[in-house]
Each structure stands twice: as C-alpha cells, then as structure tokens.
Protein backbone atom coordinates (compact mmCIF):
# COMPACT_ATOMS: atom_id res chain seq x y z
CA UNK A 1 0.00 0.00 0.00
CA UNK A 2 1.40 3.47 -0.85
CA UNK A 3 2.57 5.68 2.00
CA UNK A 4 0.36 8.44 3.37
CA UNK A 5 1.68 12.01 3.28
CA UNK A 6 -0.29 14.39 5.56
CA UNK A 7 -1.01 17.83 4.15
CA UNK A 8 -3.67 19.27 6.45
CA UNK A 9 -3.59 17.66 9.88
CA UNK A 10 -5.72 17.79 13.02
CA UNK A 11 -3.97 16.77 16.25
CA UNK A 12 -6.35 16.32 19.17
CA UNK A 13 -4.84 16.62 22.64
CA UNK A 14 -1.91 18.42 21.06
CA UNK A 15 -1.20 20.62 24.10
CA UNK A 16 -0.42 17.59 26.26
CA UNK A 17 2.92 15.93 26.88
CA UNK A 18 3.19 13.47 23.97
CA UNK A 19 0.82 15.41 21.75
CA UNK A 20 2.88 18.60 21.85
CA UNK A 21 6.07 16.65 21.12
CA UNK A 22 4.34 15.13 18.11
CA UNK A 23 3.21 18.56 16.91
CA UNK A 24 6.84 19.71 16.90
CA UNK A 25 7.83 16.62 14.94
CA UNK A 26 5.05 17.02 12.38
CA UNK A 27 5.76 20.71 11.78
CA UNK A 28 9.39 19.89 11.04
CA UNK A 29 8.14 18.50 7.69
CA UNK A 30 8.01 21.38 5.19
CA UNK A 31 5.46 19.47 3.09
CA UNK A 32 2.84 19.87 5.81
CA UNK A 33 0.61 22.79 4.84
CA UNK A 34 -1.49 23.22 7.97
CA UNK A 35 -1.68 21.73 11.46
CA UNK A 36 -4.59 22.40 13.80
CA UNK A 37 -4.49 21.44 17.47
CA UNK A 38 -7.79 20.79 19.25
CA UNK A 39 -7.31 20.60 23.01
CA UNK A 40 -9.72 20.98 25.91
CA UNK A 41 -6.91 22.31 28.12
CA UNK A 42 -7.77 20.19 31.13
CA UNK A 43 -5.33 20.17 34.07
CA UNK A 44 -2.76 18.26 31.95
CA UNK A 45 -3.07 20.43 28.84
CA UNK A 46 -0.71 23.39 28.68
CA UNK A 47 -0.45 26.05 25.96
CA UNK A 48 3.14 26.64 27.10
CA UNK A 49 3.99 23.19 25.69
CA UNK A 50 3.43 24.69 22.23
CA UNK A 51 5.45 27.87 22.67
CA UNK A 52 8.11 26.71 20.24
CA UNK A 53 5.66 26.33 17.34
CA UNK A 54 2.99 28.92 18.10
CA UNK A 55 4.59 31.38 15.67
CA UNK A 56 4.58 28.97 12.73
CA UNK A 57 2.05 30.30 10.18
CA UNK A 58 0.89 26.73 9.51
CA UNK A 59 -0.06 26.22 13.16
CA UNK A 60 -3.54 26.90 14.52
CA UNK A 61 -4.94 26.25 17.99
CA UNK A 62 -8.56 25.64 18.97
CA UNK A 63 -9.67 25.13 22.56
CA UNK A 64 -12.38 22.50 22.51
CA UNK A 65 -13.46 19.00 23.47
CA UNK A 66 -13.48 15.92 21.21
CA UNK A 67 -16.76 15.00 22.92
CA UNK A 68 -18.31 18.17 21.39
CA UNK A 69 -19.59 17.23 17.90
CA UNK A 70 -19.84 20.84 16.71
CA UNK A 71 -16.27 21.67 17.71
CA UNK A 72 -14.92 18.53 16.06
CA UNK A 73 -16.85 19.07 12.83
CA UNK A 74 -15.57 22.63 12.58
CA UNK A 75 -11.96 21.58 13.09
CA UNK A 76 -12.20 18.86 10.43
CA UNK A 77 -12.94 21.26 7.58
CA UNK A 78 -10.30 20.66 4.92
CA UNK A 79 -8.47 18.07 7.05
CA UNK A 80 -7.04 14.92 5.43
CA UNK A 81 -5.23 13.46 8.49
CA UNK A 82 -6.21 13.10 12.16
CA UNK A 83 -3.94 12.03 15.02
CA UNK A 84 -5.79 11.49 18.29
CA UNK A 85 -3.91 12.03 21.54
CA UNK A 86 -6.93 13.39 23.44
CA UNK A 87 -7.45 11.18 26.49
CA UNK A 88 -7.62 10.99 30.23
CA UNK A 89 -4.54 8.93 31.05
CA UNK A 90 -3.66 8.74 34.75
CA UNK A 91 -4.44 5.39 36.37
CA UNK A 92 -4.72 6.80 39.90
CA UNK A 93 -7.32 9.34 38.81
CA UNK A 94 -9.31 6.62 37.02
CA UNK A 95 -9.41 4.54 40.20
CA UNK A 96 -10.79 7.51 42.11
CA UNK A 97 -13.36 8.48 39.45
CA UNK A 98 -13.64 6.80 36.04
CA UNK A 99 -16.40 8.97 34.58
CA UNK A 100 -14.19 11.44 32.70
CA UNK A 101 -12.18 8.53 31.26
CA UNK A 102 -15.26 6.92 29.75
CA UNK A 103 -16.47 10.30 28.47
CA UNK A 104 -13.23 11.23 26.70
CA UNK A 105 -11.55 7.90 25.88
CA UNK A 106 -14.69 6.16 24.56
CA UNK A 107 -17.50 8.64 23.85
CA UNK A 108 -15.14 11.41 22.72
CA UNK A 109 -13.37 9.00 20.40
CA UNK A 110 -16.78 7.96 19.00
CA UNK A 111 -17.53 11.60 18.17
CA UNK A 112 -14.13 11.99 16.49
CA UNK A 113 -14.49 8.78 14.48
CA UNK A 114 -18.00 9.62 13.31
CA UNK A 115 -17.04 13.15 12.32
CA UNK A 116 -13.92 11.89 10.52
CA UNK A 117 -16.04 9.42 8.58
CA UNK A 118 -18.45 12.16 7.53
CA UNK A 119 -15.56 14.47 6.58
CA UNK A 120 -13.89 11.79 4.45
CA UNK A 121 -10.47 11.99 6.13
CA UNK A 122 -7.79 9.97 4.39
CA UNK A 123 -6.11 8.63 7.53
CA UNK A 124 -6.79 8.69 11.27
CA UNK A 125 -4.34 7.42 13.86
CA UNK A 126 -5.55 6.64 17.37
CA UNK A 127 -2.89 6.67 20.10
CA UNK A 128 -3.42 3.97 22.72
CA UNK A 129 -1.35 2.25 25.41
CA UNK A 130 0.31 -1.06 26.25
CA UNK A 131 -1.79 -1.10 29.42
CA UNK A 132 -4.72 -2.54 27.43
CA UNK A 133 -2.90 -5.89 27.47
CA UNK A 134 -2.88 -5.99 31.26
CA UNK A 135 -0.27 -7.77 33.36
CA UNK A 136 2.20 -9.76 31.22
CA UNK A 137 3.79 -12.46 33.35
CA UNK A 138 6.07 -13.89 30.66
CA UNK A 139 7.15 -12.87 27.19
CA UNK A 140 5.88 -9.81 25.35
CA UNK A 141 2.47 -8.75 24.09
CA UNK A 142 1.89 -8.74 20.35
CA UNK A 143 -0.81 -6.74 18.59
CA UNK A 144 -3.02 -9.84 18.22
CA UNK A 145 -3.07 -10.68 21.94
CA UNK A 146 -6.28 -10.47 23.95
CA UNK A 147 -7.04 -7.23 25.74
CA UNK A 148 -7.16 -7.78 29.50
CA UNK A 149 -7.18 -4.30 31.07
CA UNK A 150 -7.16 -4.17 34.87
CA UNK A 151 -7.69 -0.45 35.63
CA UNK A 152 -10.57 1.82 34.58
CA UNK A 153 -8.07 3.87 32.55
CA UNK A 154 -6.81 0.83 30.66
CA UNK A 155 -10.36 -0.39 30.15
CA UNK A 156 -11.43 2.95 28.68
CA UNK A 157 -8.50 2.86 26.26
CA UNK A 158 -9.28 -0.75 25.31
CA UNK A 159 -12.89 0.28 24.65
CA UNK A 160 -11.63 3.05 22.39
CA UNK A 161 -9.35 0.65 20.52
CA UNK A 162 -12.23 -1.73 19.85
CA UNK A 163 -14.46 1.11 18.71
CA UNK A 164 -11.79 2.42 16.33
CA UNK A 165 -11.28 -1.03 14.84
CA UNK A 166 -15.05 -1.43 14.44
CA UNK A 167 -15.19 1.81 12.42
CA UNK A 168 -12.55 0.36 10.10
CA UNK A 169 -14.38 -2.95 9.69
CA UNK A 170 -17.91 -1.54 9.47
CA UNK A 171 -17.39 1.76 7.67
CA UNK A 172 -13.98 1.38 6.05
CA UNK A 173 -12.64 4.35 8.02
CA UNK A 174 -8.84 4.25 7.47
CA UNK A 175 -7.85 3.92 11.13
CA UNK A 176 -4.41 2.95 12.44
CA UNK A 177 -3.86 2.27 16.16
CA UNK A 178 -0.61 2.53 18.10
CA UNK A 179 -0.01 1.16 21.60
CA UNK A 180 2.90 2.82 23.36
CA UNK A 181 4.87 1.86 26.44
CA UNK A 182 5.64 4.14 29.40
CA UNK A 183 6.81 7.43 27.91
CA UNK A 184 9.02 10.07 29.50
CA UNK A 185 10.70 13.33 28.65
CA UNK A 186 10.36 17.10 29.06
CA UNK A 187 6.97 18.76 29.64
CA UNK A 188 5.29 15.76 31.26
CA UNK A 189 2.70 16.79 33.83
CA UNK A 190 4.25 16.17 37.27
CA UNK A 191 1.79 13.54 38.49
CA UNK A 192 3.39 10.71 36.48
CA UNK A 193 6.22 8.68 38.01
CA UNK A 194 9.30 10.23 36.43
CA UNK A 195 8.40 13.94 36.64
CA UNK A 196 6.87 13.48 40.09
CA UNK A 197 9.97 11.80 41.47
CA UNK A 198 12.32 14.24 39.73
CA UNK A 199 10.54 17.31 41.06
CA UNK A 200 10.18 15.80 44.55
CA UNK A 201 13.87 14.91 44.61
CA UNK A 202 14.91 18.38 43.46
CA UNK A 203 13.06 19.78 46.47
CA UNK A 204 14.35 17.12 48.87
CA UNK A 205 10.86 15.66 49.36
CA UNK A 206 10.10 11.95 49.85
CA UNK A 207 9.40 9.98 46.67
CA UNK A 208 6.34 7.74 47.19
CA UNK A 209 7.06 4.28 45.75
CA UNK A 210 4.08 1.95 45.45
CA UNK A 211 4.50 -1.33 47.34
CA UNK A 212 7.90 -2.96 46.94
CA UNK A 213 8.66 -0.97 43.78
CA UNK A 214 9.43 -4.10 41.76
CA UNK A 215 6.79 -3.46 39.11
CA UNK A 216 8.44 -3.68 35.68
CA UNK A 217 7.81 -1.10 32.95
CA UNK A 218 9.24 -0.56 29.48
CA UNK A 219 10.40 3.06 29.16
CA UNK A 220 10.53 4.94 25.86
CA UNK A 221 11.63 8.52 25.23
CA UNK A 222 8.91 10.84 23.96
CA UNK A 223 10.91 11.52 20.80
CA UNK A 224 11.19 7.83 19.94
CA UNK A 225 7.50 7.35 20.70
CA UNK A 226 6.48 10.22 18.42
CA UNK A 227 8.65 8.93 15.58
CA UNK A 228 6.97 5.55 16.00
CA UNK A 229 3.53 7.13 15.82
CA UNK A 230 4.48 9.05 12.69
CA UNK A 231 5.89 5.91 11.07
CA UNK A 232 2.64 4.05 11.75
CA UNK A 233 0.64 7.00 10.40
CA UNK A 234 2.57 7.38 7.17
CA UNK A 235 3.67 3.81 6.42
CA UNK A 236 1.22 1.67 8.41
CA UNK A 237 -1.74 -0.16 6.92
CA UNK A 238 -5.27 0.98 7.92
CA UNK A 239 -7.01 -1.49 10.18
CA UNK A 240 -3.69 -2.45 11.77
CA UNK A 241 -2.28 -1.98 15.26
CA UNK A 242 1.38 -1.21 15.97
CA UNK A 243 3.14 -1.53 19.33
CA UNK A 244 5.63 1.26 20.12
CA UNK A 245 8.17 0.27 22.77
CA UNK A 246 11.88 0.42 23.49
CA UNK A 247 12.97 -2.82 25.15
CA UNK A 248 14.31 -0.73 28.06
CA UNK A 249 12.65 -2.62 30.92
CA UNK A 250 13.32 -1.53 34.50
CA UNK A 251 11.66 -1.93 37.87
CA UNK A 252 10.12 1.21 39.32
CA UNK A 253 12.65 0.99 42.13
CA UNK A 254 15.59 0.93 39.70
CA UNK A 255 14.22 4.02 37.93
CA UNK A 256 13.65 5.75 41.26
CA UNK A 257 17.20 5.12 42.47
CA UNK A 258 18.65 6.44 39.20
CA UNK A 259 16.50 9.58 39.37
CA UNK A 260 17.64 10.22 42.93
CA UNK A 261 21.26 9.82 41.90
CA UNK A 262 20.88 12.22 38.96
CA UNK A 263 19.28 14.74 41.33
CA UNK A 264 22.12 14.41 43.83
CA UNK A 265 19.94 12.66 46.40
CA UNK A 266 20.17 9.36 48.24
CA UNK A 267 17.81 6.41 48.75
CA UNK A 268 16.76 7.81 52.13
CA UNK A 269 14.13 9.87 50.25
CA UNK A 270 12.27 6.69 49.19
CA UNK A 271 8.99 6.28 51.05
CA UNK A 272 7.15 3.04 50.35
CA UNK A 273 3.39 3.61 50.32
CA UNK A 274 0.38 1.32 50.05
CA UNK A 275 0.30 -0.31 46.63
CA UNK A 276 -2.16 0.83 43.97
CA UNK A 277 -5.31 -1.26 43.55
CA UNK A 278 -4.98 -3.92 40.83
CA UNK A 279 -1.44 -2.72 40.10
CA UNK A 280 -0.12 -4.51 37.00
CA UNK A 281 3.18 -6.14 37.82
CA UNK A 282 4.79 -6.19 34.39
CA UNK A 283 4.33 -4.77 30.90
CA UNK A 284 6.31 -5.82 27.83
CA UNK A 285 5.47 -5.36 24.15
CA UNK A 286 6.78 -6.87 20.94
CA UNK A 287 7.49 -4.11 18.38
CA UNK A 288 8.56 -6.32 15.48
CA UNK A 289 5.61 -5.18 13.37
CA UNK A 290 6.47 -1.47 13.60
CA UNK A 291 10.16 -2.19 13.12
CA UNK A 292 9.31 -3.91 9.83
CA UNK A 293 8.28 -0.46 8.58
CA UNK A 294 11.79 0.87 9.26
CA UNK A 295 11.32 2.42 12.71
CA UNK A 296 13.68 1.64 15.56
CA UNK A 297 14.07 3.33 18.96
CA UNK A 298 17.16 5.55 18.86
CA UNK A 299 17.41 6.91 22.41
CA UNK A 300 19.06 4.91 25.16
CA UNK A 301 17.32 5.03 28.53
CA UNK A 302 20.30 6.42 30.44
CA UNK A 303 21.09 9.47 28.26
CA UNK A 304 17.42 10.27 27.72
CA UNK A 305 16.71 10.08 31.45
CA UNK A 306 19.71 12.30 32.24
CA UNK A 307 18.49 14.87 29.70
CA UNK A 308 15.00 14.73 31.19
CA UNK A 309 16.28 15.39 34.70
CA UNK A 310 18.39 18.26 33.36
CA UNK A 311 15.32 19.77 31.67
CA UNK A 312 13.33 19.78 34.93
CA UNK A 313 16.30 21.32 36.74
CA UNK A 314 16.52 24.08 34.15
CA UNK A 315 12.79 24.71 33.67
CA UNK A 316 11.41 25.08 37.17
CA UNK A 317 9.29 28.00 35.98
CA UNK A 318 7.35 25.43 33.93
CA UNK A 319 6.58 22.87 36.65
CA UNK A 320 6.47 24.81 39.93
CA UNK A 321 3.19 26.60 39.12
CA UNK A 322 1.63 23.24 38.20
CA UNK A 323 2.67 21.60 41.45
CA UNK A 324 1.33 24.57 43.41
CA UNK A 325 -2.18 24.31 42.00
CA UNK A 326 -4.89 23.18 44.40
CA UNK A 327 -5.99 20.29 42.18
CA UNK A 328 -2.45 18.88 42.09
CA UNK A 329 -2.03 19.12 45.85
CA UNK A 330 -5.45 17.55 46.50
CA UNK A 331 -4.82 14.67 44.11
CA UNK A 332 -1.32 14.06 45.52
CA UNK A 333 -2.50 13.92 49.12
CA UNK A 334 -5.45 11.71 48.24
CA UNK A 335 -3.27 9.31 46.27
CA UNK A 336 -0.26 9.13 48.59
CA UNK A 337 -1.90 9.35 51.99
CA UNK A 338 0.41 10.66 54.70
CA UNK A 339 2.76 12.37 52.25
CA UNK A 340 3.13 16.06 51.46
CA UNK A 341 4.00 18.27 48.51
CA UNK A 342 5.78 20.73 50.83
C-alpha cells in the first residue's frame, strides 16, 4: 500500500505531553501545509507546551473537546489526516473516578471517528497504550493478543481501541492504532512517576514508591515514541495496530534510584506507600511489526533520562506553578496518603 503524506492535519490533545512533542515533529516537515491542534486544556493540557511552534504560520490552535460534535466538525474542515492524543490517562485518577475517562476515551473518540467518517479523512491514527494488554507475566504482548485491562483507565483505552477497529471494519474508516509503552521526557505533567519523582527529589521531598517498587515497565523517550507514531501514520496499513516500545525494561525501584542519583539525592528519600489497587506487575510489548516499517528506537534510557532530569532542573518555571495548583495538591495527598508536597 502506498505511503500516506499528511497535508492538512488535526492533532487532538496536542497541548499535552506526547501530543505537543508530536506537533513539533510534524511541523518539522516542510510538506505539511497546515496543522490544527484541538485541546480541551484540562489540568494536563498546557499552551506553554506549544510555545516553540505557536509562531509557525501553519499552526492553529482551537480550545475544545473531542466530545463536542460541533467543535470537532468545525476543526475537520479541509483536514485529510487526524492524530488522536486526546485522552484521560492517569491510572490513579481513574481509580478515584472513572467517569471522565469513559467520556473522553470512549464517547469522545466515537464523536471523532463519526465526524472523521463524515468528513472523508484519508487517515486517522488513534494513540493507545500497552496497558490494554494488562499484566504480562512472561514474554511480550503482540498486537493480536487479547485485551485484559485491569484499571478503569486501561479499560477505557481498550474500549476506544475496539471502537476504532469497528469503524474500520464496518465503515472502512482508514484507522491505524498505536499502543505505546511508558513514555518520558520534558513537559510531562508532574503527576506521572518520572516527573513526580524528579521534582520531589529536586526539592528534597520523599518519593512515594508503590508497594515494593518491583513493578516492571518498558520506558521509551517521547521523541522515539512520536517517531513511532508518525511511522505508523505514514507507512502503516489501515485497520492495523502497531506496538511502540523500546525494550528498556526496568523496575520502578531501579528508575527511582537512578532519578535520585541524577538529582544528587540518596535512597533515604524513598517512602514506600500502600500499593495501587490492581497494580499490574509487568508490561512488555513486541514491536517487530512497527520495526518492519523501518522504525527503531534511537534513544538509550540512560542518556534520555539524564536529559529529562536536566530539563526539569533548568525549567522550574514550567513545573512549579503546576505543582502549586490546588488540584495537584489535593490529588497528591489523596493518592499518597500521609505524604506532602511541601
């Protein structure tokens, strides 16, 4: 099948962590004529993430919700390519209240798929997660494996994946799905493990490790992840799913100790807290299918992690206001009972 070359692109959730990194990647292609970001600007969306591209004449920003049919239809005018990052993504928040996850990750995706079908888009890529596979005791998950999500977040993403595939089968909508592993890098909202532990360590605060900390995750740099997404978008086959991982598997405790070392702190800052409900012990994905298209992860975990820590050290004006917001403090104290952000 011939490759797809985006000309007029809509990126939903493009003010978020991975979405904004993808926007920068996409705009680096001079063949792209127009890129519109649609973002609701929830707590994790940040216009500052797009500061480096806001002056590009091809770039346009619309504040809106993918669950709003009118907003989506308006944004799709003249669009040939859609990349969907819009999602609620934090497991802890989904355990506390899953309603917004179902609304955005399933119903919102339905609105986007239906509007894209009506608009006749040439390609739509839906960004999902390896968490839909659930706990992987041995080996690695391939794209054909059963979906066994164990958290409300993972279940909402699995529901979205199934809906997207159904639109391909039923309506012929040219959908491609990617499932990425744990992603890290600059501009990640400081509730996720790496930015939370980095910013805590920089301030000499305890880092709250769930349980024994021996949960295993596969870590991929945001740049490698975005290149994988773009490869699947441009070279992938509609109706197909592509895993995007790195092979860099580490326990949470190993990652924590390395972060502390890079921040000039010792293991005495580790505070083991009650484990998360239904906490998946291990994720691992097989990326052979995406690699067959010519993509390979380029960033090693160690240099990428060191650069990430350096970015948070040098950009405290970005993350300190976020950590000081009432919603962050409330969520942190509710999640890690007995710990403090001060």
